[in-house]
């Protein structure tokens, strides 16, 4: 049986944790990310905490509310943008014009 590595690159860690690299950076920025090791005088950064251990630690201490707010806002914005573009561009020109008119009326009112 192969042993699990002691340290991971950011991308390896994200793949194991099933998180995007953007979410990793948001978690790190707000102090909720995994423990890392920076090698002095280089650009090398290794994640030294297994995703399973990180999840247990976060479950015990909780995630800071500002981190959740940022992650939720990002997901909501992405959903709105993708939904809007899908609704907007898949319609006929007549329906597209009606969609724009409803959108303007909603923004004005």
N, C-alpha and C. Protein backbone atom coordinates (compact mmCIF):
# COMPACT_ATOMS: atom_id res chain seq x y z
N UNK A 1 0.84 -1.19 0.00
CA UNK A 1 0.00 0.00 0.00
C UNK A 1 0.88 1.25 0.00
N UNK A 2 0.65 2.16 -0.95
CA UNK A 2 1.45 3.38 -1.06
C UNK A 2 1.08 4.37 0.04
N UNK A 3 2.11 5.01 0.58
CA UNK A 3 1.87 6.02 1.60
C UNK A 3 1.44 7.32 0.96
N UNK A 4 0.60 8.08 1.69
CA UNK A 4 0.19 9.38 1.20
C UNK A 4 1.34 10.36 1.38
N UNK A 5 1.47 11.33 0.48
CA UNK A 5 2.55 12.30 0.63
C UNK A 5 2.37 13.16 1.87
N UNK A 6 3.48 13.67 2.37
CA UNK A 6 3.45 14.51 3.56
C UNK A 6 3.09 15.95 3.19
N UNK A 7 3.51 16.38 2.01
CA UNK A 7 3.23 17.74 1.55
C UNK A 7 2.62 17.68 0.15
N UNK A 8 1.82 18.69 -0.16
CA UNK A 8 1.13 18.76 -1.45
C UNK A 8 1.39 20.11 -2.07
N UNK A 9 1.30 20.18 -3.39
CA UNK A 9 1.24 21.49 -4.03
C UNK A 9 -0.17 22.02 -3.81
N UNK A 10 -0.37 23.29 -4.08
CA UNK A 10 -1.71 23.86 -3.89
C UNK A 10 -2.73 23.14 -4.76
N UNK A 11 -2.36 22.90 -5.99
CA UNK A 11 -3.30 22.24 -6.91
C UNK A 11 -3.59 20.80 -6.50
N UNK A 12 -2.58 20.08 -6.03
CA UNK A 12 -2.81 18.71 -5.54
C UNK A 12 -3.76 18.73 -4.35
N UNK A 13 -3.54 19.67 -3.44
CA UNK A 13 -4.38 19.77 -2.25
C UNK A 13 -5.82 20.09 -2.65
N UNK A 14 -5.96 21.03 -3.57
CA UNK A 14 -7.31 21.40 -4.02
C UNK A 14 -8.02 20.23 -4.68
N UNK A 15 -7.28 19.45 -5.44
CA UNK A 15 -7.89 18.28 -6.09
C UNK A 15 -8.36 17.28 -5.03
N UNK A 16 -7.54 17.06 -4.00
CA UNK A 16 -7.94 16.14 -2.94
C UNK A 16 -9.12 16.66 -2.14
N UNK A 17 -9.13 17.98 -1.88
CA UNK A 17 -10.20 18.60 -1.09
C UNK A 17 -11.44 18.89 -1.94
N UNK A 18 -11.31 18.75 -3.26
CA UNK A 18 -12.39 19.03 -4.21
C UNK A 18 -12.85 20.48 -4.12
N UNK A 19 -11.86 21.38 -4.07
CA UNK A 19 -12.10 22.82 -4.05
C UNK A 19 -11.37 23.46 -5.23
N UNK A 20 -11.87 24.60 -5.66
CA UNK A 20 -11.16 25.32 -6.72
C UNK A 20 -9.98 26.06 -6.12
N UNK A 21 -9.04 26.43 -6.96
CA UNK A 21 -7.88 27.17 -6.49
C UNK A 21 -8.30 28.55 -5.99
N UNK A 22 -9.34 29.14 -6.58
CA UNK A 22 -9.85 30.44 -6.12
C UNK A 22 -10.41 30.32 -4.70
N UNK A 23 -11.11 29.23 -4.41
CA UNK A 23 -11.64 29.02 -3.06
C UNK A 23 -10.50 28.81 -2.08
N UNK A 24 -9.46 28.11 -2.50
CA UNK A 24 -8.28 27.92 -1.65
C UNK A 24 -7.70 29.27 -1.25
N UNK A 25 -7.51 30.17 -2.23
CA UNK A 25 -6.93 31.48 -1.94
C UNK A 25 -7.85 32.31 -1.04
N UNK A 26 -9.17 32.20 -1.26
CA UNK A 26 -10.10 32.93 -0.39
C UNK A 26 -10.01 32.41 1.04
N UNK A 27 -9.94 31.10 1.20
CA UNK A 27 -9.81 30.52 2.54
C UNK A 27 -8.51 30.98 3.20
N UNK A 28 -7.41 30.97 2.45
CA UNK A 28 -6.12 31.40 2.99
C UNK A 28 -6.18 32.88 3.39
N UNK A 29 -6.76 33.69 2.55
CA UNK A 29 -6.83 35.13 2.80
C UNK A 29 -7.57 35.43 4.10
N UNK A 30 -8.59 34.66 4.40
CA UNK A 30 -9.40 34.89 5.59
C UNK A 30 -8.97 34.03 6.78
N UNK A 31 -7.84 33.34 6.65
CA UNK A 31 -7.31 32.58 7.77
C UNK A 31 -7.96 31.23 8.02
N UNK A 32 -8.65 30.69 7.02
CA UNK A 32 -9.32 29.39 7.17
C UNK A 32 -8.70 28.29 6.32
N UNK A 33 -7.59 28.59 5.69
CA UNK A 33 -6.96 27.62 4.79
C UNK A 33 -6.14 26.59 5.54
N UNK A 34 -5.59 25.64 4.81
CA UNK A 34 -4.75 24.62 5.43
C UNK A 34 -3.40 25.19 5.85
N UNK A 35 -2.71 24.47 6.68
CA UNK A 35 -1.36 24.90 7.11
C UNK A 35 -0.40 24.73 5.94
N UNK A 36 0.47 25.73 5.77
CA UNK A 36 1.43 25.69 4.66
C UNK A 36 2.84 25.87 5.18
N UNK A 37 3.80 25.50 4.34
CA UNK A 37 5.21 25.66 4.64
C UNK A 37 5.83 26.42 3.48
N UNK A 38 6.40 27.58 3.78
CA UNK A 38 7.08 28.38 2.75
C UNK A 38 8.58 28.11 2.86
N UNK A 39 9.19 27.78 1.74
CA UNK A 39 10.63 27.57 1.71
C UNK A 39 11.28 28.94 1.52
N UNK A 40 12.14 29.35 2.46
CA UNK A 40 12.74 30.70 2.38
C UNK A 40 13.52 30.93 1.08
N UNK A 41 13.47 32.16 0.60
CA UNK A 41 14.19 32.61 -0.59
C UNK A 41 13.80 31.88 -1.87
N UNK A 42 12.60 31.29 -1.89
CA UNK A 42 12.11 30.63 -3.11
C UNK A 42 10.63 30.95 -3.25
N UNK A 43 10.05 30.51 -4.34
CA UNK A 43 8.62 30.64 -4.54
C UNK A 43 7.88 29.37 -4.15
N UNK A 44 8.58 28.43 -3.55
CA UNK A 44 8.00 27.14 -3.22
C UNK A 44 7.12 27.26 -1.97
N UNK A 45 5.89 26.82 -2.11
CA UNK A 45 4.96 26.75 -0.99
C UNK A 45 4.36 25.35 -1.01
N UNK A 46 4.42 24.68 0.12
CA UNK A 46 3.85 23.33 0.22
C UNK A 46 2.75 23.33 1.27
N UNK A 47 1.67 22.67 0.96
CA UNK A 47 0.58 22.51 1.92
C UNK A 47 0.93 21.27 2.74
N UNK A 48 1.04 21.45 4.05
CA UNK A 48 1.49 20.34 4.90
C UNK A 48 0.36 19.75 5.73
N UNK A 49 -0.86 20.14 5.42
CA UNK A 49 -2.01 19.60 6.16
C UNK A 49 -2.89 18.84 5.17
N UNK A 50 -3.18 17.60 5.47
CA UNK A 50 -4.03 16.79 4.61
C UNK A 50 -5.44 17.36 4.62
N UNK A 51 -6.14 17.30 3.49
CA UNK A 51 -7.51 17.84 3.46
C UNK A 51 -8.42 17.25 4.54
N UNK A 52 -8.25 15.98 4.84
CA UNK A 52 -9.06 15.33 5.89
C UNK A 52 -8.81 16.00 7.24
N UNK A 53 -7.53 16.27 7.57
CA UNK A 53 -7.19 16.92 8.83
C UNK A 53 -7.70 18.36 8.84
N UNK A 54 -7.58 19.03 7.72
CA UNK A 54 -8.07 20.41 7.61
C UNK A 54 -9.58 20.46 7.84
N UNK A 55 -10.31 19.52 7.23
CA UNK A 55 -11.77 19.49 7.40
C UNK A 55 -12.16 19.26 8.85
N UNK A 56 -11.43 18.38 9.54
CA UNK A 56 -11.71 18.14 10.95
C UNK A 56 -11.45 19.39 11.78
N UNK A 57 -10.35 20.09 11.49
CA UNK A 57 -10.00 21.31 12.23
C UNK A 57 -11.05 22.39 12.00
N UNK A 58 -11.46 22.57 10.74
CA UNK A 58 -12.46 23.58 10.42
C UNK A 58 -13.80 23.22 11.06
N UNK A 59 -14.14 21.94 11.08
CA UNK A 59 -15.40 21.52 11.70
C UNK A 59 -15.42 21.86 13.19
N UNK A 60 -14.27 21.74 13.84
CA UNK A 60 -14.20 22.05 15.28
C UNK A 60 -14.22 23.54 15.55
N UNK A 61 -13.43 24.32 14.78
CA UNK A 61 -13.31 25.75 15.06
C UNK A 61 -14.33 26.59 14.32
N UNK A 62 -14.87 26.08 13.22
CA UNK A 62 -15.82 26.85 12.42
C UNK A 62 -15.11 27.75 11.43
N UNK A 63 -15.85 28.18 10.43
CA UNK A 63 -15.32 29.06 9.40
C UNK A 63 -15.76 30.47 9.74
N UNK A 64 -14.87 31.42 9.54
CA UNK A 64 -15.20 32.81 9.82
C UNK A 64 -16.32 33.28 8.89
N UNK A 65 -17.22 34.10 9.43
CA UNK A 65 -18.39 34.52 8.66
C UNK A 65 -18.02 35.32 7.42
N UNK A 66 -16.97 36.13 7.49
CA UNK A 66 -16.60 36.93 6.32
C UNK A 66 -16.17 36.03 5.16
N UNK A 67 -15.56 34.89 5.47
CA UNK A 67 -15.17 33.94 4.42
C UNK A 67 -16.42 33.37 3.75
N UNK A 68 -17.39 32.99 4.55
CA UNK A 68 -18.63 32.44 3.99
C UNK A 68 -19.35 33.48 3.14
N UNK A 69 -19.33 34.73 3.59
CA UNK A 69 -19.98 35.81 2.85
C UNK A 69 -19.32 35.99 1.48
N UNK A 70 -17.99 35.97 1.45
CA UNK A 70 -17.27 36.14 0.19
C UNK A 70 -17.55 34.97 -0.76
N UNK A 71 -17.48 33.75 -0.24
CA UNK A 71 -17.73 32.58 -1.07
C UNK A 71 -19.16 32.56 -1.60
N UNK A 72 -20.12 32.94 -0.75
CA UNK A 72 -21.52 32.97 -1.17
C UNK A 72 -21.74 34.04 -2.24
N UNK A 73 -21.14 35.21 -2.04
CA UNK A 73 -21.29 36.29 -3.02
C UNK A 73 -20.72 35.87 -4.37
N UNK A 74 -19.56 35.22 -4.35
CA UNK A 74 -18.95 34.78 -5.60
C UNK A 74 -19.84 33.77 -6.31
N UNK A 75 -20.37 32.81 -5.57
CA UNK A 75 -21.23 31.78 -6.17
C UNK A 75 -22.52 32.39 -6.70
N UNK A 76 -23.10 33.31 -5.95
CA UNK A 76 -24.34 33.96 -6.37
C UNK A 76 -24.12 34.78 -7.63
N UNK A 77 -23.04 35.53 -7.67
CA UNK A 77 -22.75 36.36 -8.84
C UNK A 77 -22.52 35.48 -10.07
N UNK A 78 -21.76 34.40 -9.91
CA UNK A 78 -21.50 33.51 -11.04
C UNK A 78 -22.79 32.89 -11.54
N UNK A 79 -23.67 32.50 -10.63
CA UNK A 79 -24.95 31.92 -11.02
C UNK A 79 -25.83 32.90 -11.77
N UNK A 80 -25.85 34.14 -11.29
CA UNK A 80 -26.66 35.16 -11.95
C UNK A 80 -26.13 35.46 -13.34
N UNK A 81 -24.82 35.59 -13.45
CA UNK A 81 -24.21 35.90 -14.75
C UNK A 81 -24.47 34.77 -15.74
N UNK A 82 -24.24 33.54 -15.32
CA UNK A 82 -24.43 32.43 -16.26
C UNK A 82 -25.91 32.26 -16.60
N UNK A 83 -26.80 32.44 -15.63
CA UNK A 83 -28.23 32.34 -15.91
C UNK A 83 -28.72 33.43 -16.82
N UNK A 84 -28.23 34.66 -16.59
CA UNK A 84 -28.62 35.78 -17.42
C UNK A 84 -28.17 35.57 -18.86
N UNK A 85 -26.92 35.17 -19.04
CA UNK A 85 -26.42 34.99 -20.39
C UNK A 85 -27.15 33.84 -21.09
N UNK A 86 -27.46 32.79 -20.35
CA UNK A 86 -28.16 31.67 -20.95
C UNK A 86 -29.58 32.08 -21.35
N UNK A 87 -30.28 32.81 -20.47
CA UNK A 87 -31.63 33.26 -20.79
C UNK A 87 -31.63 34.29 -21.91
N UNK A 88 -30.65 35.15 -21.87
CA UNK A 88 -30.62 36.27 -22.79
C UNK A 88 -30.31 35.83 -24.23
N UNK A 89 -29.34 34.99 -24.42
CA UNK A 89 -28.85 34.72 -25.76
C UNK A 89 -29.49 33.51 -26.43
N UNK A 90 -30.28 32.75 -25.74
CA UNK A 90 -30.87 31.58 -26.39
C UNK A 90 -32.24 31.89 -27.00
N UNK A 91 -32.71 33.11 -26.84
CA UNK A 91 -34.03 33.47 -27.33
C UNK A 91 -33.98 34.10 -28.72
N UNK A 92 -35.14 34.18 -29.31
CA UNK A 92 -35.26 34.85 -30.62
C UNK A 92 -35.07 36.35 -30.43
N UNK A 93 -34.82 37.10 -31.49
CA UNK A 93 -34.63 38.56 -31.36
C UNK A 93 -35.82 39.26 -30.69
N UNK A 94 -37.04 38.82 -30.99
CA UNK A 94 -38.23 39.44 -30.39
C UNK A 94 -38.26 39.19 -28.89
N UNK A 95 -38.01 37.95 -28.51
CA UNK A 95 -38.03 37.61 -27.09
C UNK A 95 -36.84 38.26 -26.37
N UNK A 96 -35.72 38.40 -27.06
CA UNK A 96 -34.55 39.04 -26.47
C UNK A 96 -34.86 40.50 -26.15
N UNK A 97 -35.55 41.18 -27.08
CA UNK A 97 -35.93 42.59 -26.86
C UNK A 97 -36.90 42.69 -25.68
N UNK A 98 -37.85 41.78 -25.59
CA UNK A 98 -38.80 41.78 -24.47
C UNK A 98 -38.07 41.52 -23.15
N UNK A 99 -37.09 40.64 -23.17
CA UNK A 99 -36.30 40.35 -21.97
C UNK A 99 -35.56 41.60 -21.50
N UNK A 100 -34.92 42.32 -22.44
CA UNK A 100 -34.20 43.55 -22.10
C UNK A 100 -35.16 44.60 -21.53
N UNK A 101 -36.36 44.69 -22.12
CA UNK A 101 -37.33 45.67 -21.66
C UNK A 101 -37.79 45.34 -20.24
N UNK A 102 -38.05 44.07 -19.96
CA UNK A 102 -38.44 43.66 -18.60
C UNK A 102 -37.32 43.92 -17.60
N UNK A 103 -36.10 43.68 -18.04
CA UNK A 103 -34.95 43.89 -17.17
C UNK A 103 -34.81 45.37 -16.82
N UNK A 104 -34.97 46.24 -17.83
CA UNK A 104 -34.89 47.69 -17.58
C UNK A 104 -36.02 48.15 -16.66
N UNK A 105 -37.20 47.62 -16.87
CA UNK A 105 -38.35 48.00 -16.05
C UNK A 105 -38.14 47.56 -14.60
N UNK A 106 -37.56 46.39 -14.42
CA UNK A 106 -37.27 45.89 -13.07
C UNK A 106 -36.20 46.71 -12.37
N UNK A 107 -35.20 47.17 -13.11
CA UNK A 107 -34.12 47.98 -12.54
C UNK A 107 -34.62 49.36 -12.19
N UNK A 108 -35.54 49.90 -12.99
CA UNK A 108 -36.06 51.25 -12.75
C UNK A 108 -37.05 51.26 -11.59
N UNK A 109 -37.80 50.17 -11.43
CA UNK A 109 -38.87 50.15 -10.42
C UNK A 109 -38.41 49.62 -9.15
